[in-house]
Structures are given as C-alpha cells and as structure tokens.
Protein backbone atom coordinates (compact mmCIF):
# COMPACT_ATOMS: atom_id res chain seq x y z
CA UNK A 1 15.28 43.84 57.57
CA UNK A 2 13.42 42.78 54.42
CA UNK A 3 9.68 42.21 54.66
CA UNK A 4 7.00 41.17 52.20
CA UNK A 5 4.46 43.91 51.53
CA UNK A 6 2.17 42.05 49.11
CA UNK A 7 1.71 38.54 47.77
CA UNK A 8 0.30 38.12 44.28
CA UNK A 9 -2.85 35.96 44.14
CA UNK A 10 -2.18 32.56 42.57
CA UNK A 11 1.59 33.02 42.80
CA UNK A 12 4.24 30.63 44.05
CA UNK A 13 4.57 32.74 47.19
CA UNK A 14 0.89 32.35 47.99
CA UNK A 15 1.03 28.63 47.30
CA UNK A 16 3.88 28.01 49.75
CA UNK A 17 2.32 30.17 52.48
CA UNK A 18 4.08 33.51 52.37
CA UNK A 19 1.94 36.36 53.63
CA UNK A 20 2.33 40.13 53.95
CA UNK A 21 4.66 40.83 56.83
CA UNK A 22 6.83 37.76 56.29
CA UNK A 23 10.46 38.62 57.06
CA UNK A 24 12.97 37.21 54.56
CA UNK A 25 16.17 36.21 56.37
CA UNK A 26 18.26 34.19 53.93
CA UNK A 27 18.18 32.48 50.52
CA UNK A 28 20.24 29.33 50.01
CA UNK A 29 22.28 30.22 53.06
CA UNK A 30 23.04 33.82 52.01
CA UNK A 31 21.69 36.62 54.18
CA UNK A 32 19.06 38.90 52.68
CA UNK A 33 19.97 42.44 53.71
CA UNK A 34 17.94 44.42 51.20
CA UNK A 35 15.94 44.27 47.99
CA UNK A 36 19.03 43.69 45.86
CA UNK A 37 19.95 40.54 47.78
CA UNK A 38 16.45 39.23 47.31
CA UNK A 39 16.36 40.06 43.61
CA UNK A 40 19.66 38.39 42.83
CA UNK A 41 19.71 35.51 45.31
CA UNK A 42 16.13 34.50 44.54
CA UNK A 43 16.88 34.26 40.82
CA UNK A 44 17.88 30.58 41.16
CA UNK A 45 15.40 27.87 40.25
CA UNK A 46 15.87 25.87 43.46
CA UNK A 47 15.48 27.92 46.61
CA UNK A 48 15.64 27.38 50.34
CA UNK A 49 14.26 30.52 51.96
CA UNK A 50 14.67 31.05 55.68
CA UNK A 51 11.95 33.38 56.92
CA UNK A 52 9.94 34.51 59.90
CA UNK A 53 6.17 34.80 59.79
CA UNK A 54 4.42 37.92 61.16
CA UNK A 55 3.62 36.09 64.40
CA UNK A 56 7.32 35.37 65.01
CA UNK A 57 7.32 31.74 63.82
CA UNK A 58 10.55 30.69 62.07
CA UNK A 59 9.93 28.81 58.85
CA UNK A 60 11.90 27.46 55.89
CA UNK A 61 10.31 27.51 52.46
CA UNK A 62 11.69 25.08 49.90
CA UNK A 63 10.66 25.44 46.30
CA UNK A 64 11.56 24.59 42.73
CA UNK A 65 10.53 27.41 40.47
CA UNK A 66 9.65 26.83 36.83
CA UNK A 67 12.06 28.75 34.62
CA UNK A 68 10.99 32.37 34.17
CA UNK A 69 8.11 32.26 36.66
CA UNK A 70 8.02 35.00 39.26
CA UNK A 71 7.79 34.14 42.96
CA UNK A 72 5.11 36.78 43.34
CA UNK A 73 6.11 39.01 46.23
CA UNK A 74 6.42 42.77 46.51
CA UNK A 75 8.78 43.98 49.23
CA UNK A 76 8.28 46.84 51.62
CA UNK A 77 10.08 50.01 50.44
CA UNK A 78 13.76 49.93 51.35
CA UNK A 79 15.53 52.39 53.58
CA UNK A 80 17.57 54.82 51.48
CA UNK A 81 21.21 55.65 51.99
CA UNK A 82 21.44 59.32 52.86
CA UNK A 83 23.95 61.71 51.39
CA UNK A 84 26.85 62.69 53.64
CA UNK A 85 27.93 65.58 51.39
CA UNK A 86 26.92 69.23 51.67
CA UNK A 87 27.20 70.42 48.10
CA UNK A 88 26.49 74.14 47.79
CA UNK A 89 24.59 73.50 44.57
CA UNK A 90 22.45 70.65 45.95
CA UNK A 91 18.92 71.08 44.69
CA UNK A 92 17.49 69.75 47.95
CA UNK A 93 19.21 72.61 49.77
CA UNK A 94 17.44 74.95 47.38
CA UNK A 95 13.94 73.81 48.30
CA UNK A 96 11.63 76.09 50.30
CA UNK A 97 10.27 74.99 53.65
CA UNK A 98 6.85 73.41 53.95
CA UNK A 99 6.90 70.84 51.14
CA UNK A 100 6.15 67.15 51.74
CA UNK A 101 8.82 65.41 53.78
CA UNK A 102 10.09 62.95 51.18
CA UNK A 103 11.22 65.82 48.94
CA UNK A 104 13.91 66.69 51.50
CA UNK A 105 15.51 63.24 51.47
CA UNK A 106 19.03 63.59 50.08
CA UNK A 107 19.69 60.10 48.79
CA UNK A 108 23.12 58.95 47.65
CA UNK A 109 22.50 55.28 47.02
CA UNK A 110 24.29 53.14 44.43
CA UNK A 111 21.40 50.67 44.55
CA UNK A 112 18.97 53.34 43.34
CA UNK A 113 21.54 54.39 40.78
CA UNK A 114 21.40 50.94 39.21
CA UNK A 115 17.68 50.35 39.70
CA UNK A 116 16.22 53.75 38.79
CA UNK A 117 19.04 55.73 37.18
CA UNK A 118 19.46 58.09 40.13
CA UNK A 119 22.84 59.81 40.16
CA UNK A 120 25.08 58.89 43.11
CA UNK A 121 28.45 60.31 44.14
CA UNK A 122 29.77 56.95 45.47
CA UNK A 123 31.20 58.94 48.39
CA UNK A 124 29.58 56.56 50.92
CA UNK A 125 30.59 53.34 49.13
CA UNK A 126 32.74 50.96 51.17
CA UNK A 127 34.81 47.87 50.35
CA UNK A 128 31.87 45.51 50.82
CA UNK A 129 29.80 47.68 48.49
CA UNK A 130 32.45 47.56 45.79
CA UNK A 131 32.52 43.77 46.03
CA UNK A 132 28.72 43.62 45.94
CA UNK A 133 28.43 45.89 42.90
CA UNK A 134 30.86 43.68 41.01
CA UNK A 135 29.32 40.38 42.16
CA UNK A 136 25.79 41.45 41.27
CA UNK A 137 26.94 43.19 38.07
CA UNK A 138 25.18 46.44 38.94
CA UNK A 139 25.89 48.05 35.61
CA UNK A 140 25.57 50.67 34.36
CA UNK A 141 25.72 53.03 37.33
CA UNK A 142 24.90 56.73 37.11
CA UNK A 143 27.66 58.66 38.84
CA UNK A 144 27.87 62.31 39.89
CA UNK A 145 31.57 62.84 39.31
CA UNK A 146 31.58 66.67 39.22
CA UNK A 147 35.38 66.65 39.27
CA UNK A 148 38.01 63.92 39.14
CA UNK A 149 40.59 66.19 40.75
CA UNK A 150 40.46 64.96 44.33
CA UNK A 151 41.00 68.32 46.02
CA UNK A 152 38.44 70.06 43.80
CA UNK A 153 35.95 67.30 44.50
CA UNK A 154 36.37 67.68 48.26
CA UNK A 155 35.48 71.36 47.90
CA UNK A 156 32.55 70.73 45.54
CA UNK A 157 31.03 68.05 47.78
CA UNK A 158 32.01 69.98 50.93
CA UNK A 159 33.31 66.71 52.30
CA UNK A 160 37.04 66.36 53.16
CA UNK A 161 36.64 62.57 53.53
CA UNK A 162 35.27 61.93 50.06
CA UNK A 163 37.13 59.02 48.37
CA UNK A 164 39.21 59.36 45.22
CA UNK A 165 36.60 58.93 42.50
CA UNK A 166 39.12 57.95 39.83
CA UNK A 167 40.36 55.05 41.96
CA UNK A 168 36.78 53.99 42.69
CA UNK A 169 35.74 54.04 39.05
CA UNK A 170 38.90 52.22 37.97
CA UNK A 171 38.32 49.40 40.46
CA UNK A 172 34.72 49.02 39.38
CA UNK A 173 35.69 49.20 35.71
CA UNK A 174 38.21 46.39 36.24
CA UNK A 175 35.28 44.38 37.59
CA UNK A 176 33.27 44.94 34.42
CA UNK A 177 31.08 47.84 35.62
CA UNK A 178 30.18 50.70 33.28
CA UNK A 179 29.01 54.24 34.04
CA UNK A 180 27.04 57.21 32.87
CA UNK A 181 28.73 60.23 34.45
CA UNK A 182 27.78 63.84 35.03
CA UNK A 183 29.62 67.00 36.00
CA UNK A 184 27.49 69.77 37.47
CA UNK A 185 29.73 72.73 36.79
CA UNK A 186 30.15 75.59 39.28
CA UNK A 187 31.93 78.63 37.82
CA UNK A 188 35.45 78.95 39.18
CA UNK A 189 35.46 75.53 40.86
CA UNK A 190 35.22 72.76 38.29
CA UNK A 191 35.23 74.50 34.93
CA UNK A 192 38.33 75.33 32.84
CA UNK A 193 41.37 73.18 33.62
CA UNK A 194 39.49 71.12 36.22
CA UNK A 195 36.80 70.17 33.71
CA UNK A 196 39.45 69.33 31.13
CA UNK A 197 41.19 67.07 33.66
CA UNK A 198 37.89 65.40 34.52
CA UNK A 199 37.04 64.66 30.89
CA UNK A 200 40.56 63.35 30.29
CA UNK A 201 40.41 61.03 33.32
CA UNK A 202 37.01 59.69 32.32
CA UNK A 203 38.16 59.23 28.72
CA UNK A 204 41.13 57.19 29.92
CA UNK A 205 38.77 54.73 31.61
CA UNK A 206 37.87 53.61 28.10
CA UNK A 207 34.63 51.81 27.40
CA UNK A 208 33.75 51.78 31.10
CA UNK A 209 32.43 55.34 30.78
CA UNK A 210 29.52 55.06 28.36
CA UNK A 211 28.62 58.75 28.47
CA UNK A 212 29.57 61.96 30.23
CA UNK A 213 27.36 65.01 30.69
CA UNK A 214 28.22 68.63 31.42
CA UNK A 215 25.41 70.41 33.27
CA UNK A 216 25.41 74.05 34.43
CA UNK A 217 24.74 74.70 38.10
CA UNK A 218 21.11 75.61 38.78
CA UNK A 219 20.26 77.79 41.76
CA UNK A 220 16.85 78.55 43.21
CA UNK A 221 15.91 81.60 45.26
CA UNK A 222 16.19 79.37 48.36
CA UNK A 223 19.72 78.03 47.71
CA UNK A 224 21.07 79.33 51.01
CA UNK A 225 24.39 77.42 50.88
CA UNK A 226 25.51 78.62 47.47
CA UNK A 227 28.25 81.27 47.51
CA UNK A 228 29.48 80.99 43.91
CA UNK A 229 28.62 82.83 40.75
CA UNK A 230 25.62 82.03 38.54
CA UNK A 231 26.26 80.48 35.16
CA UNK A 232 26.57 83.29 32.59
CA UNK A 233 26.09 82.95 28.80
CA UNK A 234 29.82 83.48 28.27
CA UNK A 235 30.77 80.72 30.71
CA UNK A 236 28.16 78.45 29.13
CA UNK A 237 29.80 78.98 25.73
CA UNK A 238 33.20 78.16 27.24
CA UNK A 239 31.80 74.89 28.62
CA UNK A 240 30.36 74.00 25.23
CA UNK A 241 33.82 74.57 23.80
CA UNK A 242 35.17 71.81 26.04
CA UNK A 243 32.22 69.57 25.15
CA UNK A 244 32.64 70.15 21.41
CA UNK A 245 36.38 69.40 21.41
CA UNK A 246 35.94 66.15 23.32
CA UNK A 247 32.87 65.03 21.39
CA UNK A 248 34.70 65.68 18.10
CA UNK A 249 37.55 63.51 19.32
CA UNK A 250 35.14 60.82 20.51
CA UNK A 251 33.39 60.66 17.14
CA UNK A 252 36.75 60.38 15.34
CA UNK A 253 38.27 57.75 17.61
CA UNK A 254 35.26 55.86 18.96
CA UNK A 255 32.44 56.69 16.52
CA UNK A 256 30.38 57.97 19.45
CA UNK A 257 29.62 61.49 20.72
CA UNK A 258 30.42 60.34 24.30
CA UNK A 259 30.26 63.73 26.05
CA UNK A 260 27.15 65.90 25.94
CA UNK A 261 26.10 69.33 27.07
CA UNK A 262 22.71 69.58 28.74
CA UNK A 263 19.88 71.32 26.93
CA UNK A 264 20.04 74.11 29.50
CA UNK A 265 23.67 74.70 28.67
CA UNK A 266 22.83 75.32 25.01
CA UNK A 267 19.95 77.61 25.94
CA UNK A 268 22.14 79.63 28.30
CA UNK A 269 24.83 79.94 25.64
CA UNK A 270 22.33 80.94 23.00
CA UNK A 271 23.49 78.08 20.77
CA UNK A 272 21.38 75.85 18.53
CA UNK A 273 20.68 72.38 19.89
CA UNK A 274 22.29 69.44 18.08
CA UNK A 275 20.25 67.10 15.83
CA UNK A 276 18.93 63.75 17.00
CA UNK A 277 21.88 61.73 15.65
CA UNK A 278 24.17 63.64 18.04
CA UNK A 279 22.52 61.96 21.05
CA UNK A 280 22.59 58.35 19.85
CA UNK A 281 20.24 56.40 22.12
CA UNK A 282 19.56 59.44 24.38
CA UNK A 283 21.19 57.67 27.33
CA UNK A 284 20.93 60.67 29.67
CA UNK A 285 17.64 62.16 28.54
CA UNK A 286 16.32 62.10 32.12
CA UNK A 287 19.24 64.37 32.99
CA UNK A 288 18.11 66.98 30.46
CA UNK A 289 20.45 65.75 27.74
CA UNK A 290 18.62 65.86 24.41
CA UNK A 291 15.12 66.20 25.85
CA UNK A 292 14.20 69.09 23.53
CA UNK A 293 15.63 67.37 20.48
CA UNK A 294 13.73 64.21 21.38
CA UNK A 295 10.52 66.23 21.65
CA UNK A 296 11.11 67.73 18.22
CA UNK A 297 11.78 64.27 16.83
CA UNK A 298 8.60 62.79 18.31
CA UNK A 299 6.50 65.64 16.95
CA UNK A 300 8.02 65.24 13.47
CA UNK A 301 7.41 61.47 13.52
CA UNK A 302 3.84 61.68 14.81
CA UNK A 303 2.46 64.69 13.01
CA UNK A 304 1.04 62.65 10.13
CA UNK A 305 -1.14 60.72 12.59
CA UNK A 306 -2.79 63.77 14.14
CA UNK A 307 -6.56 64.12 13.66
CA UNK A 308 -8.22 67.24 12.32
CA UNK A 309 -9.31 69.46 15.20
CA UNK A 310 -10.70 72.52 13.44
CA UNK A 311 -11.94 75.20 15.76
CA UNK A 312 -10.48 73.68 18.91
CA UNK A 313 -8.70 76.25 21.09
CA UNK A 314 -5.76 74.67 22.93
CA UNK A 315 -3.45 76.24 25.52
CA UNK A 316 0.07 74.85 25.92
CA UNK A 317 1.70 75.60 29.26
CA UNK A 318 5.48 75.69 29.53
CA UNK A 319 8.36 77.34 31.38
CA UNK A 320 10.37 80.32 30.27
CA UNK A 321 13.22 78.17 28.92
CA UNK A 322 11.04 76.75 26.15
CA UNK A 323 9.44 80.04 25.13
CA UNK A 324 11.54 80.62 22.01
CA UNK A 325 11.59 76.94 21.00
CA UNK A 326 7.89 76.14 21.10
CA UNK A 327 6.45 78.32 18.29
CA UNK A 328 7.85 76.23 15.38
CA UNK A 329 6.52 73.04 16.98
CA UNK A 330 3.14 74.60 17.66
CA UNK A 331 2.90 76.00 14.14
CA UNK A 332 3.52 72.58 12.62
CA UNK A 333 0.89 70.97 14.85
CA UNK A 334 -1.59 73.75 14.10
CA UNK A 335 -1.07 73.24 10.38
CA UNK A 336 -1.71 69.51 10.68
CA UNK A 337 -4.77 69.75 12.93
CA UNK A 338 -6.43 73.04 12.08
CA UNK A 339 -6.65 73.81 15.81
CA UNK A 340 -5.77 77.18 17.35
CA UNK A 341 -2.93 77.12 19.87
CA UNK A 342 -1.83 79.58 22.52
CA UNK A 343 1.58 79.27 24.16
CA UNK A 344 1.36 80.09 27.88
CA UNK A 345 4.79 80.77 29.40
CA UNK A 346 4.95 80.70 33.19
CA UNK A 347 7.56 82.04 35.59
CA UNK A 348 8.16 79.62 38.45
CA UNK A 349 6.48 81.07 41.54
CA UNK A 350 7.99 78.52 43.94
CA UNK A 351 11.67 78.36 42.97
CA UNK A 352 12.02 81.82 41.46
CA UNK A 353 12.88 83.22 38.03
CA UNK A 354 16.24 81.44 37.75
CA UNK A 355 14.49 78.06 37.44
CA UNK A 356 13.02 78.10 33.95
CA UNK A 357 12.49 74.42 33.13
CA UNK A 358 8.88 73.38 32.55
CA UNK A 359 9.17 70.22 34.62
CA UNK A 360 9.57 72.18 37.88
CA UNK A 361 6.44 74.29 37.52
CA UNK A 362 3.99 73.72 40.37
CA UNK A 363 0.26 73.48 40.87
CA UNK A 364 -0.03 77.11 41.96
CA UNK A 365 1.57 78.17 38.68
CA UNK A 366 -1.05 76.23 36.73
CA UNK A 367 -3.84 77.70 38.81
CA UNK A 368 -2.57 81.25 38.30
CA UNK A 369 -2.13 80.80 34.57
CA UNK A 370 -5.36 78.93 33.80
CA UNK A 371 -7.79 80.04 36.48
CA UNK A 372 -10.69 81.97 35.00
CA UNK A 373 -9.76 81.13 31.43
CA UNK A 374 -12.94 80.57 29.42
CA UNK A 375 -11.45 81.32 26.01
CA UNK A 376 -9.74 77.92 25.73
CA UNK A 377 -11.32 74.51 25.17
CA UNK A 378 -8.47 72.53 26.77
CA UNK A 379 -4.95 73.08 28.09
CA UNK A 380 -1.93 70.78 27.98
CA UNK A 381 0.46 70.98 30.90
CA UNK A 382 3.92 69.35 31.23
CA UNK A 383 3.45 65.79 32.48
CA UNK A 384 6.87 65.97 34.12
CA UNK A 385 5.43 68.34 36.74
CA UNK A 386 3.56 65.44 38.34
CA UNK A 387 4.86 62.47 40.32
CA UNK A 388 3.48 58.93 40.06
CA UNK A 389 0.64 59.89 42.43
CA UNK A 390 -0.26 62.86 40.20
CA UNK A 391 0.86 65.44 42.75
CA UNK A 392 2.75 68.63 41.95
CA UNK A 393 5.86 69.63 43.92
CA UNK A 394 3.78 72.07 46.01
CA UNK A 395 1.45 69.22 47.06
CA UNK A 396 -1.41 70.33 44.81
CA UNK A 397 -3.22 67.26 43.50
CA UNK A 398 -3.86 67.18 39.80
CA UNK A 399 -7.39 65.87 40.21
CA UNK A 400 -8.21 68.69 42.64
CA UNK A 401 -6.77 71.30 40.30
CA UNK A 402 -8.73 69.85 37.40
CA UNK A 403 -11.92 70.21 39.40
CA UNK A 404 -11.13 73.85 40.21
CA UNK A 405 -10.42 75.02 36.69
CA UNK A 406 -13.07 75.97 34.17
CA UNK A 407 -11.33 74.14 31.32
CA UNK A 408 -10.13 70.53 31.09
CA UNK A 409 -6.38 70.09 31.54
CA UNK A 410 -4.28 67.15 30.39
CA UNK A 411 -0.71 66.21 31.38
CA UNK A 412 1.27 65.72 28.19
CA UNK A 413 4.79 64.59 27.38
CA UNK A 414 4.88 65.47 23.69
CA UNK A 415 1.42 66.82 22.61
CA UNK A 416 0.90 63.73 20.45
CA UNK A 417 0.03 61.57 23.44
CA UNK A 418 -3.07 63.67 24.13
CA UNK A 419 -4.03 64.97 20.68
CA UNK A 420 -4.25 61.39 19.36
CA UNK A 421 -5.81 59.94 22.51
CA UNK A 422 -9.35 58.91 23.33
CA UNK A 423 -8.79 60.76 26.61
CA UNK A 424 -9.24 64.03 24.74
CA UNK A 425 -12.71 65.22 25.55
CA UNK A 426 -13.72 68.58 24.13
CA UNK A 427 -15.85 70.85 26.26
CA UNK A 428 -16.64 73.64 23.86
C-alpha cells in the first residue's frame, strides 16, 4: 500500500485535491505497489491516477503535467525487505542490545541499493524482481557478492537456498544493468583461490561490473555468531596482492583500476594508501574505498582558503585507525592558520577495540574525551558519527551533548567545512 505523507503547497497534487493519507492504487492502469512504481509510472506527462481518499472514497485524478514539473507529493516511508541470510560477519549481529530499534533492521533490498547505494546480496530477488529491475533500468546496483563460488557463498551467507549470484548478475547484465560489487573477506572462507575465482567471474561480466571492492571482515566485541579468525596483517597483505594483480591488469586492458582494496585493508597491512588518481571518481567512497585519500585531497585543495586563526586551540577527535595518518594533515592546517591543534584519539567504548574507524564512535566516547576540557577553544568531531537527525549510534543527541560540554563542538567532514565557515564561533 502506497500512501501520500505530504502534499507540497501550490503543487499539482494540491491543485487536483490530493491530501495526506491518499492511497495511490494505479497509474495509467498499472498497479502502484511501492515507491518505485510511483516514481517511474508517474513520470509520464499525461496521467490517470486511481486513488482512494482517507475517508475511503474512490477517486480518479486526471492531469496533464507540464514537462519537468513535479507532482508535489511525498510518500510514506516504504516497508523494507528484510535479509534472509545469517552471515557470521553481519554488522547488525555485532550490535549490543539496547540501541534504537531501527538499527537492528537487516535490510536486503534491491530498491534501496539503487536509490541510496545500500549493498544488497540479491538473495531474495525473484523472477518478477529481475524483470522489474530491467524494465525500470535500476542501474547501477550495489551488490554484496562476497563469493561467486556458489558453495562458498552458501556458507558465507549461512543460507543453503541462496541463488547462484553469477547467473543473477549475468541475466541482469544482459538487460543492461551495471553493478558496483563488494567482497567482505573472511579468512579461510573467501580469500585465496575463492577470491581469485570471484574476481575472475566478475571480470568476465565485462563492463557490467563497474567496480569491485575487497573489504576485510570487521568484528565487534558483540559479534556472537562469528567463529572465524580475525583479519591479520599478513592476510591483509595477501588480499592486497590479489587486488594489485587484478588492478594492474584492469589498467592495462581497460584503462581503469576496477578493483580496490578498502582503506582499512591498507591500514591493516601497513601499506601506504594509493594516490587520488587510483580511485578515479571514488565510486565506492561510502564503502571506505578511498575515503582517506579523498580527505587528503580536499585538505590540499582547500588549504589556501583557510583564514588565519592565531591563538585558537582546536581539538580534533578521531578513531584509532587514523592516529598515524592525521599528524601530517594537522601540521599543514596549523601552518596555514596559525592555530594550535591537538589530536584526540578515542578507543570505541561501545563496539570494542577492534572497531577503530572514526565514523563508529559514539556520543559517550565524545563525552569521555571532551568532558571537563577547558584548555581547548573548540573541538571538531567526525560528522559521520551522526545520522540525519544528529543522533549518535548510542542515542545521544548532538545538541544535548553540545549543551553538556564546556567547549563548543562541531561535526566536520574534512576540517575545511568548519574552519572556513561562519558557523565557527570562538569562545575563548
């Protein structure tokens, strides 16, 4: 069931009499089952919309829409397809109890893959979904492949009924669909020969696979399902060997890096991160592919625009993973601004010491690190720690934390966004 949540004032929808709560049944004779149907079916200029008003009255809206003009409705949030797999390495299974309910939703939804870039396994995709993806041209999709070897994939996803991913991808590719793929690698399960087979199979799909990422398994102190080994530096170097061989081939034959190791993989292996040109358009940056290199690039590009901030004492909060990488960046910013910087590395109190990325730090970590600090003028915290409602993973609200602390704090993506912003207010 698809219902209207809001109607924009002055919009076509308001003009024809749509109201919040209107149920959208069909468009030009095609049933509206979810937000994708509405988005694609309502793209025509001439529409006949069968609907039901909140009071139960059936109604048909007929309209001719000027080219490019929006109808002006926002739909109620869709129901999400849940994941039927039980992957040992699933991050949701590594969450502690007591967090807000929506954090425990294990989605596996190709619609969200297309719309938001969420990774999906395609293990719950049926024939009608394949046809729909091709008809609506839902491309590119972000696919958690993990392994193309069917038996290995059944073990990884802990699902004996998982479809053959190579056959699925091939069918979609023949329909013009492209993919960004990832392999989360579990030592002893999908590394070595299995990883080599996976990369070969994806390579043989040609231009359909735009990029492939190799990501080391990440385990929290609450990952109760995981029975495998942690990712060691030696295994991380072995994985980078696979990545390097295939990326060298891709650059020779296709003039594109194609396969990438995650930033965490390089850090675990103790290897230097590649330069910006290695990542092209940073297609999987949200998956931790090139995020550090992108940060370095943004700092280098923006440093000339920084104001002078002599005497200002600034704390920069980060996770353990970035500890050795931050000092050169901070030194360059200090030289450009004249400010004094202190790097504040935090161990994750919620997920444990094995989770070192800054984006998973929580409100309690910020409180512990910054509470009682009077020797700083401001502190910058990773903006990735907050959701769209400015809430940390442990349900601490940013605004509440800001009120508690004795120094102003600012969420920052790359330092430049705050140091050049009018939002920067100094409380000396």
